[in-house]
């Protein structure tokens, strides 16, 4: 037995032949499309979370401003 034969992988009886090199680019394309789709979904989720957080902060600032206006009005009324 030669060295090349000794280092060759052993196949079990009835095992299928591994995918040919022509199938590798196709699978790579599928994997790329799947990864791109998942990345787009995650970006959309992040943008939605960012919008929700900005809306929360804007509403909080509006409530704070309303309280400041009412407080200023009370102070102004108490002076006169």
Protein backbone atom coordinates (compact mmCIF):
# COMPACT_ATOMS: atom_id res chain seq x y z
CA UNK A 1 0.00 0.00 0.00
CA UNK A 2 1.37 3.40 -0.93
CA UNK A 3 1.46 6.48 1.28
CA UNK A 4 -1.28 8.17 -0.78
CA UNK A 5 -3.57 5.18 -0.32
CA UNK A 6 -2.91 5.13 3.42
CA UNK A 7 -3.79 8.80 3.86
CA UNK A 8 -6.92 8.65 1.67
CA UNK A 9 -10.21 8.81 3.57
CA UNK A 10 -12.03 5.52 3.95
CA UNK A 11 -15.61 5.39 2.68
CA UNK A 12 -18.19 3.14 4.23
CA UNK A 13 -19.93 0.69 1.92
CA UNK A 14 -22.90 2.30 0.21
CA UNK A 15 -21.80 5.83 1.17
CA UNK A 16 -22.67 8.47 -1.38
CA UNK A 17 -20.02 10.36 -3.24
CA UNK A 18 -19.43 13.83 -1.74
CA UNK A 19 -20.90 16.88 -3.46
CA UNK A 20 -19.15 17.89 -6.63
CA UNK A 21 -17.37 21.17 -6.99
CA UNK A 22 -20.19 22.51 -9.18
CA UNK A 23 -22.62 22.28 -6.24
CA UNK A 24 -20.36 24.25 -3.88
CA UNK A 25 -20.98 27.66 -5.53
CA UNK A 26 -24.72 26.99 -5.50
CA UNK A 27 -24.69 26.23 -1.78
CA UNK A 28 -22.47 29.22 -1.17
CA UNK A 29 -25.05 31.37 -2.97
CA UNK A 30 -27.87 29.98 -0.83
CA UNK A 31 -25.90 30.53 2.36
CA UNK A 32 -25.05 34.07 1.28
CA UNK A 33 -28.69 34.83 0.49
CA UNK A 34 -29.80 33.40 3.83
CA UNK A 35 -27.18 35.39 5.75
CA UNK A 36 -28.10 38.57 3.86
CA UNK A 37 -31.80 38.03 4.59
CA UNK A 38 -31.13 37.45 8.30
CA UNK A 39 -28.90 40.52 8.47
CA UNK A 40 -31.66 42.62 6.87
CA UNK A 41 -34.19 41.29 9.41
CA UNK A 42 -31.87 42.13 12.30
CA UNK A 43 -31.28 45.64 10.92
CA UNK A 44 -35.05 46.18 10.65
CA UNK A 45 -35.49 45.01 14.26
CA UNK A 46 -32.73 47.36 15.41
CA UNK A 47 -34.28 50.28 13.54
CA UNK A 48 -37.70 49.54 15.07
CA UNK A 49 -36.18 49.40 18.55
CA UNK A 50 -34.36 52.67 17.90
CA UNK A 51 -37.59 54.35 16.73
CA UNK A 52 -39.44 53.08 19.80
CA UNK A 53 -36.71 54.40 22.08
CA UNK A 54 -36.68 57.81 20.37
CA UNK A 55 -40.48 58.00 20.65
CA UNK A 56 -40.29 57.13 24.35
CA UNK A 57 -37.66 59.82 24.93
CA UNK A 58 -39.67 62.40 22.95
CA UNK A 59 -42.82 61.71 24.96
CA UNK A 60 -40.87 61.90 28.20
CA UNK A 61 -39.39 65.26 27.16
CA UNK A 62 -42.86 66.54 26.22
CA UNK A 63 -44.25 65.57 29.65
CA UNK A 64 -41.29 67.25 31.32
CA UNK A 65 -41.86 70.43 29.30
CA UNK A 66 -45.57 70.44 30.15
CA UNK A 67 -44.77 70.16 33.86
CA UNK A 68 -42.24 72.99 33.57
CA UNK A 69 -44.85 75.21 31.89
CA UNK A 70 -47.40 74.47 34.62
CA UNK A 71 -44.81 75.08 37.34
CA UNK A 72 -43.82 78.40 35.77
CA UNK A 73 -47.46 79.42 35.53
CA UNK A 74 -48.05 78.61 39.21
CA UNK A 75 -44.95 80.55 40.28
CA UNK A 76 -45.94 83.48 38.13
CA UNK A 77 -49.46 83.48 39.60
CA UNK A 78 -48.11 83.32 43.14
CA UNK A 79 -45.97 86.41 42.58
CA UNK A 80 -48.87 88.63 41.50
